[in-house]
């Protein structure tokens, strides 16, 4: 649900867009840290916030890191 926002903010067009791994952090909602494959050899780490269900809001892209590899550890940022 945040692919178009990521592509726009990173100024890229993803040939591939596959989530490989994720971590969560509970805040006033849930913060997701997601490792996404964006091309054959390139990965990005996305920070996505999902508010509480009663707020009726979709996920929002908070931040991202590009230039990652499959082996880079997925950490909180």
N, C-alpha and C. Protein backbone atom coordinates (compact mmCIF):
# COMPACT_ATOMS: atom_id res chain seq x y z
N UNK A 1 0.80 -1.21 0.00
CA UNK A 1 0.00 0.00 0.00
C UNK A 1 0.84 1.27 0.00
N UNK A 2 2.13 1.15 0.27
CA UNK A 2 2.98 2.34 0.27
C UNK A 2 3.96 2.35 -0.90
N UNK A 3 3.81 1.43 -1.84
CA UNK A 3 4.74 1.33 -2.97
C UNK A 3 4.82 2.64 -3.76
N UNK A 4 3.68 3.21 -4.12
CA UNK A 4 3.70 4.43 -4.93
C UNK A 4 4.36 5.59 -4.18
N UNK A 5 4.14 5.67 -2.87
CA UNK A 5 4.77 6.74 -2.09
C UNK A 5 6.28 6.53 -2.04
N UNK A 6 6.72 5.28 -1.89
CA UNK A 6 8.15 5.00 -1.88
C UNK A 6 8.77 5.36 -3.23
N UNK A 7 8.16 4.93 -4.32
CA UNK A 7 8.69 5.21 -5.65
C UNK A 7 8.79 6.71 -5.89
N UNK A 8 7.79 7.44 -5.46
CA UNK A 8 7.77 8.89 -5.65
C UNK A 8 8.88 9.57 -4.83
N UNK A 9 8.98 9.22 -3.55
CA UNK A 9 9.96 9.86 -2.68
C UNK A 9 11.39 9.43 -3.00
N UNK A 10 11.58 8.19 -3.46
CA UNK A 10 12.93 7.70 -3.79
C UNK A 10 13.28 8.02 -5.24
N UNK A 11 12.34 8.58 -5.97
CA UNK A 11 12.52 8.92 -7.38
C UNK A 11 13.00 7.71 -8.18
N UNK A 12 12.24 6.62 -8.06
CA UNK A 12 12.60 5.37 -8.73
C UNK A 12 11.34 4.65 -9.19
N UNK A 13 11.54 3.70 -10.08
CA UNK A 13 10.47 2.82 -10.51
C UNK A 13 10.93 1.41 -10.21
N UNK A 14 10.25 0.71 -9.35
CA UNK A 14 10.68 -0.60 -8.90
C UNK A 14 10.33 -1.68 -9.92
N UNK A 15 11.35 -2.39 -10.41
CA UNK A 15 11.12 -3.53 -11.30
C UNK A 15 10.52 -4.68 -10.51
N UNK A 16 10.95 -4.79 -9.27
CA UNK A 16 10.47 -5.82 -8.34
C UNK A 16 10.05 -5.07 -7.09
N UNK A 17 9.07 -5.59 -6.36
CA UNK A 17 8.68 -4.97 -5.09
C UNK A 17 8.14 -6.09 -4.20
N UNK A 18 9.07 -6.78 -3.52
CA UNK A 18 8.71 -7.94 -2.72
C UNK A 18 9.24 -7.79 -1.30
N UNK A 19 8.34 -7.88 -0.33
CA UNK A 19 8.76 -7.83 1.07
C UNK A 19 9.47 -9.14 1.41
N UNK A 20 10.67 -9.03 1.99
CA UNK A 20 11.49 -10.19 2.31
C UNK A 20 11.44 -10.50 3.80
N UNK A 21 11.41 -9.46 4.62
CA UNK A 21 11.50 -9.62 6.07
C UNK A 21 10.88 -8.39 6.71
N UNK A 22 10.36 -8.53 7.93
CA UNK A 22 9.86 -7.36 8.64
C UNK A 22 10.01 -7.52 10.14
N UNK A 23 10.00 -6.39 10.83
CA UNK A 23 10.00 -6.32 12.28
C UNK A 23 8.92 -5.33 12.67
N UNK A 24 8.45 -5.45 13.89
CA UNK A 24 7.43 -4.49 14.35
C UNK A 24 7.87 -3.85 15.66
N UNK A 25 7.31 -2.69 15.90
CA UNK A 25 7.50 -1.97 17.15
C UNK A 25 6.13 -1.38 17.49
N UNK A 26 5.62 -1.72 18.67
CA UNK A 26 4.31 -1.21 19.07
C UNK A 26 4.48 0.17 19.67
N UNK A 27 3.76 1.13 19.10
CA UNK A 27 3.72 2.51 19.60
C UNK A 27 2.24 2.83 19.71
N UNK A 28 1.80 4.02 19.41
CA UNK A 28 0.36 4.32 19.38
C UNK A 28 -0.16 3.83 18.03
N UNK A 29 -0.04 2.55 17.83
CA UNK A 29 -0.27 1.88 16.56
C UNK A 29 0.88 0.91 16.39
N UNK A 30 1.26 0.60 15.16
CA UNK A 30 2.39 -0.30 14.93
C UNK A 30 3.33 0.30 13.91
N UNK A 31 4.62 0.27 14.23
CA UNK A 31 5.65 0.70 13.31
C UNK A 31 6.24 -0.56 12.69
N UNK A 32 6.21 -0.64 11.38
CA UNK A 32 6.77 -1.78 10.67
C UNK A 32 8.08 -1.37 10.02
N UNK A 33 9.08 -2.21 10.15
CA UNK A 33 10.36 -2.03 9.47
C UNK A 33 10.43 -3.18 8.47
N UNK A 34 10.43 -2.87 7.18
CA UNK A 34 10.28 -3.89 6.15
C UNK A 34 11.45 -3.85 5.19
N UNK A 35 12.05 -5.03 4.95
CA UNK A 35 13.10 -5.15 3.92
C UNK A 35 12.39 -5.52 2.63
N UNK A 36 12.55 -4.69 1.61
CA UNK A 36 11.84 -4.88 0.33
C UNK A 36 12.86 -5.03 -0.79
N UNK A 37 12.68 -6.06 -1.60
CA UNK A 37 13.51 -6.22 -2.79
C UNK A 37 12.96 -5.31 -3.87
N UNK A 38 13.79 -4.38 -4.40
CA UNK A 38 13.31 -3.41 -5.38
C UNK A 38 13.89 -3.63 -6.78
N UNK A 39 14.89 -4.53 -6.89
CA UNK A 39 15.43 -4.95 -8.19
C UNK A 39 16.13 -6.28 -7.95
N UNK A 40 16.77 -6.81 -8.98
CA UNK A 40 17.42 -8.12 -8.82
C UNK A 40 18.42 -8.15 -7.67
N UNK A 41 19.18 -7.08 -7.50
CA UNK A 41 20.24 -7.09 -6.49
C UNK A 41 20.12 -5.97 -5.46
N UNK A 42 19.07 -5.16 -5.54
CA UNK A 42 18.97 -4.01 -4.64
C UNK A 42 17.77 -4.14 -3.71
N UNK A 43 17.98 -3.68 -2.50
CA UNK A 43 16.94 -3.75 -1.47
C UNK A 43 16.79 -2.38 -0.82
N UNK A 44 15.65 -2.18 -0.22
CA UNK A 44 15.39 -0.95 0.54
C UNK A 44 14.77 -1.35 1.86
N UNK A 45 15.00 -0.54 2.88
CA UNK A 45 14.37 -0.74 4.18
C UNK A 45 13.33 0.36 4.34
N UNK A 46 12.09 -0.04 4.59
CA UNK A 46 11.00 0.92 4.74
C UNK A 46 10.52 0.96 6.18
N UNK A 47 10.19 2.14 6.65
CA UNK A 47 9.59 2.33 7.97
C UNK A 47 8.16 2.79 7.72
N UNK A 48 7.20 1.95 8.09
CA UNK A 48 5.79 2.19 7.79
C UNK A 48 4.99 2.22 9.10
N UNK A 49 4.17 3.25 9.26
CA UNK A 49 3.34 3.36 10.46
C UNK A 49 1.90 2.99 10.14
N UNK A 50 1.34 2.10 10.96
CA UNK A 50 -0.08 1.74 10.86
C UNK A 50 -0.75 2.17 12.15
N UNK A 51 -1.66 3.13 12.05
CA UNK A 51 -2.34 3.64 13.24
C UNK A 51 -3.31 2.59 13.80
N UNK A 52 -3.84 2.89 14.95
CA UNK A 52 -4.79 1.98 15.59
C UNK A 52 -6.05 1.83 14.72
N UNK A 53 -6.70 0.66 14.78
CA UNK A 53 -7.85 0.39 13.90
C UNK A 53 -8.99 1.41 13.98
N UNK A 54 -9.28 1.94 15.17
CA UNK A 54 -10.41 2.87 15.30
C UNK A 54 -10.14 4.21 14.61
N UNK A 55 -8.90 4.48 14.22
CA UNK A 55 -8.58 5.73 13.54
C UNK A 55 -8.86 5.67 12.04
N UNK A 56 -9.12 4.46 11.53
CA UNK A 56 -9.48 4.26 10.12
C UNK A 56 -8.54 4.93 9.13
N UNK A 57 -7.24 4.78 9.34
CA UNK A 57 -6.25 5.32 8.43
C UNK A 57 -5.38 4.19 7.91
N UNK A 58 -5.02 4.26 6.65
CA UNK A 58 -4.15 3.25 6.07
C UNK A 58 -2.72 3.45 6.52
N UNK A 59 -1.85 2.56 6.10
CA UNK A 59 -0.44 2.69 6.47
C UNK A 59 0.20 3.90 5.80
N UNK A 60 1.18 4.49 6.49
CA UNK A 60 1.88 5.63 5.91
C UNK A 60 3.39 5.38 5.93
N UNK A 61 4.06 5.78 4.87
CA UNK A 61 5.51 5.64 4.76
C UNK A 61 6.16 6.76 5.57
N UNK A 62 6.89 6.39 6.61
CA UNK A 62 7.53 7.36 7.50
C UNK A 62 8.93 7.70 7.00
N UNK A 63 9.69 6.67 6.63
CA UNK A 63 11.07 6.87 6.23
C UNK A 63 11.52 5.65 5.43
N UNK A 64 12.66 5.75 4.78
CA UNK A 64 13.21 4.61 4.06
C UNK A 64 14.71 4.77 3.89
N UNK A 65 15.38 3.65 3.63
CA UNK A 65 16.81 3.64 3.36
C UNK A 65 17.01 2.81 2.10
N UNK A 66 17.74 3.35 1.13
CA UNK A 66 17.99 2.63 -0.11
C UNK A 66 19.44 2.16 -0.16
N UNK A 67 19.78 1.41 -1.20
CA UNK A 67 21.15 0.93 -1.36
C UNK A 67 21.51 -0.21 -0.44
N UNK A 68 20.52 -0.95 -0.01
CA UNK A 68 20.75 -2.08 0.90
C UNK A 68 20.95 -3.36 0.10
N UNK A 69 21.51 -4.38 0.76
CA UNK A 69 21.65 -5.70 0.15
C UNK A 69 20.78 -6.68 0.91
N UNK A 70 20.64 -7.88 0.36
CA UNK A 70 19.83 -8.90 1.03
C UNK A 70 20.39 -9.24 2.41
N UNK A 71 21.70 -9.14 2.57
CA UNK A 71 22.35 -9.52 3.82
C UNK A 71 22.40 -8.42 4.87
N UNK A 72 22.06 -7.19 4.49
CA UNK A 72 22.06 -6.10 5.49
C UNK A 72 21.02 -6.38 6.56
N UNK A 73 21.41 -6.26 7.84
CA UNK A 73 20.44 -6.51 8.91
C UNK A 73 19.34 -5.45 8.91
N UNK A 74 18.14 -5.88 9.19
CA UNK A 74 16.99 -4.98 9.28
C UNK A 74 16.94 -4.46 10.71
N UNK A 75 17.25 -3.17 10.89
CA UNK A 75 17.31 -2.57 12.21
C UNK A 75 16.30 -1.44 12.33
N UNK A 76 16.02 -1.05 13.55
CA UNK A 76 15.14 0.10 13.77
C UNK A 76 15.88 1.36 13.37
N UNK A 77 15.21 2.25 12.66
CA UNK A 77 15.83 3.52 12.27
C UNK A 77 14.81 4.62 12.31
